[in-house]
């Protein structure tokens, strides 16, 4: 992974994996309001959140 996604990429990522903001938040330990901030460009997605979300989804698909 190079960098964290921009909001459009993050929204696409959530959609691609069929995740709601609430579900994504539960996977990484933040609330759905924070996920909305990431998708609306209010706050940049922290690398730790992005990394954790990717790792949890990778392990879920196996």
PDB file of N, CA and C in Angstrom:
ATOM      1  N   UNK A   1       0.834  -1.184   0.000  1.00  0.00           N
ATOM      2  CA  UNK A   1       0.000   0.000   0.000  1.00  0.00           C
ATOM      3  C   UNK A   1       0.878   1.247   0.000  1.00  0.00           C
ATOM      4  N   UNK A   2       0.564   2.157  -0.851  1.00  0.00           N
ATOM      5  CA  UNK A   2       1.362   3.364  -0.980  1.00  0.00           C
ATOM      6  C   UNK A   2       0.927   4.448  -0.008  1.00  0.00           C
ATOM      7  N   UNK A   3      -0.302   4.844  -0.091  1.00  0.00           N
ATOM      8  CA  UNK A   3      -0.811   5.937   0.715  1.00  0.00           C
ATOM      9  C   UNK A   3      -2.281   5.653   0.991  1.00  0.00           C
ATOM     10  N   UNK A   4      -2.871   6.465   1.823  1.00  0.00           N
ATOM     11  CA  UNK A   4      -4.290   6.275   2.090  1.00  0.00           C
ATOM     12  C   UNK A   4      -5.097   6.812   0.914  1.00  0.00           C
ATOM     13  N   UNK A   5      -6.319   6.308   0.742  1.00  0.00           N
ATOM     14  CA  UNK A   5      -7.117   6.691  -0.417  1.00  0.00           C
ATOM     15  C   UNK A   5      -7.745   8.078  -0.271  1.00  0.00           C
ATOM     16  N   UNK A   6      -8.052   8.659  -1.422  1.00  0.00           N
ATOM     17  CA  UNK A   6      -8.847   9.885  -1.413  1.00  0.00           C
ATOM     18  C   UNK A   6     -10.294   9.459  -1.199  1.00  0.00           C
ATOM     19  N   UNK A   7     -11.189  10.382  -0.865  1.00  0.00           N
ATOM     20  CA  UNK A   7     -12.573  10.007  -0.555  1.00  0.00           C
ATOM     21  C   UNK A   7     -13.276   9.163  -1.625  1.00  0.00           C
ATOM     22  N   UNK A   8     -13.110   9.517  -2.887  1.00  0.00           N
ATOM     23  CA  UNK A   8     -13.745   8.720  -3.950  1.00  0.00           C
ATOM     24  C   UNK A   8     -13.246   7.284  -3.946  1.00  0.00           C
ATOM     25  N   UNK A   9     -11.965   7.105  -3.756  1.00  0.00           N
ATOM     26  CA  UNK A   9     -11.384   5.753  -3.710  1.00  0.00           C
ATOM     27  C   UNK A   9     -11.882   4.996  -2.478  1.00  0.00           C
ATOM     28  N   UNK A  10     -11.995   5.698  -1.373  1.00  0.00           N
ATOM     29  CA  UNK A  10     -12.460   5.051  -0.144  1.00  0.00           C
ATOM     30  C   UNK A  10     -13.916   4.619  -0.286  1.00  0.00           C
ATOM     31  N   UNK A  11     -14.750   5.473  -0.860  1.00  0.00           N
ATOM     32  CA  UNK A  11     -16.156   5.112  -1.092  1.00  0.00           C
ATOM     33  C   UNK A  11     -16.250   3.906  -2.029  1.00  0.00           C
ATOM     34  N   UNK A  12     -15.442   3.913  -3.090  1.00  0.00           N
ATOM     35  CA  UNK A  12     -15.440   2.779  -4.015  1.00  0.00           C
ATOM     36  C   UNK A  12     -15.015   1.495  -3.305  1.00  0.00           C
ATOM     37  N   UNK A  13     -13.987   1.585  -2.481  1.00  0.00           N
ATOM     38  CA  UNK A  13     -13.484   0.433  -1.726  1.00  0.00           C
ATOM     39  C   UNK A  13     -14.588  -0.153  -0.839  1.00  0.00           C
ATOM     40  N   UNK A  14     -15.298   0.713  -0.117  1.00  0.00           N
ATOM     41  CA  UNK A  14     -16.382   0.245   0.751  1.00  0.00           C
ATOM     42  C   UNK A  14     -17.480  -0.416  -0.074  1.00  0.00           C
ATOM     43  N   UNK A  15     -17.835   0.218  -1.174  1.00  0.00           N
ATOM     44  CA  UNK A  15     -18.876  -0.320  -2.052  1.00  0.00           C
ATOM     45  C   UNK A  15     -18.458  -1.670  -2.639  1.00  0.00           C
ATOM     46  N   UNK A  16     -17.233  -1.744  -3.099  1.00  0.00           N
ATOM     47  CA  UNK A  16     -16.703  -2.975  -3.697  1.00  0.00           C
ATOM     48  C   UNK A  16     -16.787  -4.150  -2.730  1.00  0.00           C
ATOM     49  N   UNK A  17     -16.578  -3.862  -1.451  1.00  0.00           N
ATOM     50  CA  UNK A  17     -16.616  -4.917  -0.442  1.00  0.00           C
ATOM     51  C   UNK A  17     -17.983  -5.035   0.239  1.00  0.00           C
ATOM     52  N   UNK A  18     -18.947  -4.249  -0.239  1.00  0.00           N
ATOM     53  CA  UNK A  18     -20.304  -4.338   0.293  1.00  0.00           C
ATOM     54  C   UNK A  18     -20.426  -3.898   1.741  1.00  0.00           C
ATOM     55  N   UNK A  19     -19.618  -2.925   2.129  1.00  0.00           N
ATOM     56  CA  UNK A  19     -19.616  -2.473   3.518  1.00  0.00           C
ATOM     57  C   UNK A  19     -20.367  -1.166   3.707  1.00  0.00           C
ATOM     58  N   UNK A  20     -21.145  -1.096   4.752  1.00  0.00           N
ATOM     59  CA  UNK A  20     -21.727   0.173   5.164  1.00  0.00           C
ATOM     60  C   UNK A  20     -20.691   0.882   6.031  1.00  0.00           C
ATOM     61  N   UNK A  21     -20.938   2.141   6.304  1.00  0.00           N
ATOM     62  CA  UNK A  21     -20.051   2.869   7.201  1.00  0.00           C
ATOM     63  C   UNK A  21     -20.000   2.243   8.577  1.00  0.00           C
ATOM     64  N   UNK A  22     -21.137   1.783   9.034  1.00  0.00           N
ATOM     65  CA  UNK A  22     -21.209   1.142  10.350  1.00  0.00           C
ATOM     66  C   UNK A  22     -20.374  -0.136  10.386  1.00  0.00           C
ATOM     67  N   UNK A  23     -20.485  -0.949   9.328  1.00  0.00           N
ATOM     68  CA  UNK A  23     -19.728  -2.205   9.268  1.00  0.00           C
ATOM     69  C   UNK A  23     -18.227  -1.937   9.169  1.00  0.00           C
ATOM     70  N   UNK A  24     -17.856  -0.978   8.339  1.00  0.00           N
ATOM     71  CA  UNK A  24     -16.437  -0.635   8.209  1.00  0.00           C
ATOM     72  C   UNK A  24     -15.891  -0.118   9.534  1.00  0.00           C
ATOM     73  N   UNK A  25     -16.659   0.726  10.177  1.00  0.00           N
ATOM     74  CA  UNK A  25     -16.245   1.260  11.475  1.00  0.00           C
ATOM     75  C   UNK A  25     -16.065   0.172  12.521  1.00  0.00           C
ATOM     76  N   UNK A  26     -16.983  -0.786  12.521  1.00  0.00           N
ATOM     77  CA  UNK A  26     -16.886  -1.887  13.488  1.00  0.00           C
ATOM     78  C   UNK A  26     -15.624  -2.719  13.258  1.00  0.00           C
ATOM     79  N   UNK A  27     -15.225  -2.864  12.007  1.00  0.00           N
ATOM     80  CA  UNK A  27     -14.018  -3.638  11.706  1.00  0.00           C
ATOM     81  C   UNK A  27     -12.747  -2.970  12.218  1.00  0.00           C
ATOM     82  N   UNK A  28     -12.739  -1.639  12.235  1.00  0.00           N
ATOM     83  CA  UNK A  28     -11.516  -0.929  12.605  1.00  0.00           C
ATOM     84  C   UNK A  28     -11.610  -0.168  13.926  1.00  0.00           C
ATOM     85  N   UNK A  29     -12.760  -0.236  14.578  1.00  0.00           N
ATOM     86  CA  UNK A  29     -12.887   0.379  15.904  1.00  0.00           C
ATOM     87  C   UNK A  29     -13.182   1.872  15.910  1.00  0.00           C
ATOM     88  N   UNK A  30     -13.859   2.356  14.873  1.00  0.00           N
ATOM     89  CA  UNK A  30     -14.312   3.752  14.871  1.00  0.00           C
ATOM     90  C   UNK A  30     -15.809   3.755  14.587  1.00  0.00           C
ATOM     91  N   UNK A  31     -16.467   4.862  14.899  1.00  0.00           N
ATOM     92  CA  UNK A  31     -17.910   4.891  14.656  1.00  0.00           C
ATOM     93  C   UNK A  31     -18.221   5.291  13.220  1.00  0.00           C
ATOM     94  N   UNK A  32     -19.462   5.091  12.828  1.00  0.00           N
ATOM     95  CA  UNK A  32     -19.857   5.357  11.445  1.00  0.00           C
ATOM     96  C   UNK A  32     -19.727   6.835  11.086  1.00  0.00           C
ATOM     97  N   UNK A  33     -19.848   7.702  12.064  1.00  0.00           N
ATOM     98  CA  UNK A  33     -19.676   9.137  11.804  1.00  0.00           C
ATOM     99  C   UNK A  33     -18.253   9.431  11.322  1.00  0.00           C
ATOM    100  N   UNK A  34     -17.284   8.765  11.922  1.00  0.00           N
ATOM    101  CA  UNK A  34     -15.897   8.961  11.500  1.00  0.00           C
ATOM    102  C   UNK A  34     -15.684   8.442  10.080  1.00  0.00           C
ATOM    103  N   UNK A  35     -16.293   7.321   9.747  1.00  0.00           N
ATOM    104  CA  UNK A  35     -16.199   6.789   8.392  1.00  0.00           C
ATOM    105  C   UNK A  35     -16.792   7.800   7.405  1.00  0.00           C
ATOM    106  N   UNK A  36     -17.912   8.423   7.760  1.00  0.00           N
ATOM    107  CA  UNK A  36     -18.498   9.457   6.895  1.00  0.00           C
ATOM    108  C   UNK A  36     -17.531  10.611   6.688  1.00  0.00           C
ATOM    109  N   UNK A  37     -16.787  10.964   7.716  1.00  0.00           N
ATOM    110  CA  UNK A  37     -15.791  12.033   7.573  1.00  0.00           C
ATOM    111  C   UNK A  37     -14.709  11.642   6.566  1.00  0.00           C
ATOM    112  N   UNK A  38     -14.331  10.385   6.576  1.00  0.00           N
ATOM    113  CA  UNK A  38     -13.319   9.915   5.626  1.00  0.00           C
ATOM    114  C   UNK A  38     -13.851   9.949   4.189  1.00  0.00           C
ATOM    115  N   UNK A  39     -15.131   9.622   4.015  1.00  0.00           N
ATOM    116  CA  UNK A  39     -15.696   9.580   2.669  1.00  0.00           C
ATOM    117  C   UNK A  39     -16.071  10.959   2.139  1.00  0.00           C
ATOM    118  N   UNK A  40     -16.146  11.945   3.010  1.00  0.00           N
ATOM    119  CA  UNK A  40     -16.540  13.290   2.570  1.00  0.00           C
ATOM    120  C   UNK A  40     -15.364  14.260   2.511  1.00  0.00           C
ATOM    121  N   UNK A  41     -14.167  13.789   2.754  1.00  0.00           N
ATOM    122  CA  UNK A  41     -12.947  14.604   2.683  1.00  0.00           C
ATOM    123  C   UNK A  41     -12.816  15.600   3.830  1.00  0.00           C
ATOM    124  N   UNK A  42     -13.577  15.383   4.922  1.00  0.00           N
ATOM    125  CA  UNK A  42     -13.403  16.226   6.103  1.00  0.00           C
ATOM    126  C   UNK A  42     -12.098  15.879   6.816  1.00  0.00           C
ATOM    127  N   UNK A  43     -11.770  14.591   6.800  1.00  0.00           N
ATOM    128  CA  UNK A  43     -10.586  14.076   7.492  1.00  0.00           C
ATOM    129  C   UNK A  43      -9.938  13.026   6.596  1.00  0.00           C
ATOM    130  N   UNK A  44      -8.631  13.065   6.485  1.00  0.00           N
ATOM    131  CA  UNK A  44      -7.911  12.054   5.716  1.00  0.00           C
ATOM    132  C   UNK A  44      -7.950  10.718   6.466  1.00  0.00           C
ATOM    133  N   UNK A  45      -8.090   9.646   5.725  1.00  0.00           N
ATOM    134  CA  UNK A  45      -8.109   8.312   6.339  1.00  0.00           C
ATOM    135  C   UNK A  45      -6.738   8.041   6.946  1.00  0.00           C
ATOM    136  N   UNK A  46      -6.674   7.785   8.259  1.00  0.00           N
ATOM    137  CA  UNK A  46      -5.379   7.464   8.853  1.00  0.00           C
ATOM    138  C   UNK A  46      -4.829   6.149   8.289  1.00  0.00           C
ATOM    139  N   UNK A  47      -3.530   6.092   8.140  1.00  0.00           N
ATOM    140  CA  UNK A  47      -2.904   4.896   7.595  1.00  0.00           C
ATOM    141  C   UNK A  47      -3.270   3.665   8.423  1.00  0.00           C
ATOM    142  N   UNK A  48      -3.311   3.786   9.735  1.00  0.00           N
ATOM    143  CA  UNK A  48      -3.625   2.641  10.598  1.00  0.00           C
ATOM    144  C   UNK A  48      -5.032   2.106  10.308  1.00  0.00           C
ATOM    145  N   UNK A  49      -5.979   2.977  10.070  1.00  0.00           N
ATOM    146  CA  UNK A  49      -7.347   2.559   9.742  1.00  0.00           C
ATOM    147  C   UNK A  49      -7.365   1.868   8.385  1.00  0.00           C
ATOM    148  N   UNK A  50      -6.713   2.468   7.411  1.00  0.00           N
ATOM    149  CA  UNK A  50      -6.670   1.906   6.067  1.00  0.00           C
ATOM    150  C   UNK A  50      -6.000   0.528   6.070  1.00  0.00           C
ATOM    151  N   UNK A  51      -4.881   0.411   6.733  1.00  0.00           N
ATOM    152  CA  UNK A  51      -4.149  -0.851   6.808  1.00  0.00           C
ATOM    153  C   UNK A  51      -5.001  -1.921   7.503  1.00  0.00           C
ATOM    154  N   UNK A  52      -5.580  -1.580   8.640  1.00  0.00           N
ATOM    155  CA  UNK A  52      -6.376  -2.535   9.406  1.00  0.00           C
ATOM    156  C   UNK A  52      -7.582  -3.009   8.606  1.00  0.00           C
ATOM    157  N   UNK A  53      -8.256  -2.087   7.956  1.00  0.00           N
ATOM    158  CA  UNK A  53      -9.418  -2.456   7.152  1.00  0.00           C
ATOM    159  C   UNK A  53      -9.015  -3.426   6.038  1.00  0.00           C
ATOM    160  N   UNK A  54      -7.926  -3.153   5.368  1.00  0.00           N
ATOM    161  CA  UNK A  54      -7.450  -4.045   4.307  1.00  0.00           C
ATOM    162  C   UNK A  54      -7.085  -5.423   4.852  1.00  0.00           C
ATOM    163  N   UNK A  55      -6.398  -5.472   5.960  1.00  0.00           N
ATOM    164  CA  UNK A  55      -5.984  -6.757   6.536  1.00  0.00           C
ATOM    165  C   UNK A  55      -7.193  -7.568   7.011  1.00  0.00           C
ATOM    166  N   UNK A  56      -8.154  -6.916   7.617  1.00  0.00           N
ATOM    167  CA  UNK A  56      -9.336  -7.651   8.094  1.00  0.00           C
ATOM    168  C   UNK A  56     -10.156  -8.184   6.923  1.00  0.00           C
ATOM    169  N   UNK A  57     -10.275  -7.395   5.873  1.00  0.00           N
ATOM    170  CA  UNK A  57     -11.034  -7.865   4.715  1.00  0.00           C
ATOM    171  C   UNK A  57     -10.296  -8.967   3.995  1.00  0.00           C
ATOM    172  N   UNK A  58      -8.989  -8.888   3.936  1.00  0.00           N
ATOM    173  CA  UNK A  58      -8.187  -9.938   3.304  1.00  0.00           C
ATOM    174  C   UNK A  58      -8.374 -11.253   4.044  1.00  0.00           C
ATOM    175  N   UNK A  59      -8.369 -11.222   5.351  1.00  0.00           N
ATOM    176  CA  UNK A  59      -8.519 -12.450   6.127  1.00  0.00           C
ATOM    177  C   UNK A  59      -9.944 -12.969   6.065  1.00  0.00           C
ATOM    178  N   UNK A  60     -10.907 -12.092   5.858  1.00  0.00           N
ATOM    179  CA  UNK A  60     -12.316 -12.483   5.788  1.00  0.00           C
ATOM    180  C   UNK A  60     -12.632 -13.208   4.479  1.00  0.00           C
ATOM    181  N   UNK A  61     -11.914 -12.865   3.418  1.00  0.00           N
ATOM    182  CA  UNK A  61     -12.188 -13.444   2.111  1.00  0.00           C
ATOM    183  C   UNK A  61     -11.578 -14.825   1.912  1.00  0.00           C
ATOM    184  N   UNK A  62     -10.725 -15.250   2.800  1.00  0.00           N
ATOM    185  CA  UNK A  62     -10.045 -16.551   2.648  1.00  0.00           C
ATOM    186  C   UNK A  62     -10.976 -17.682   2.978  1.00  0.00           C
TER     187      UNK A  62
END
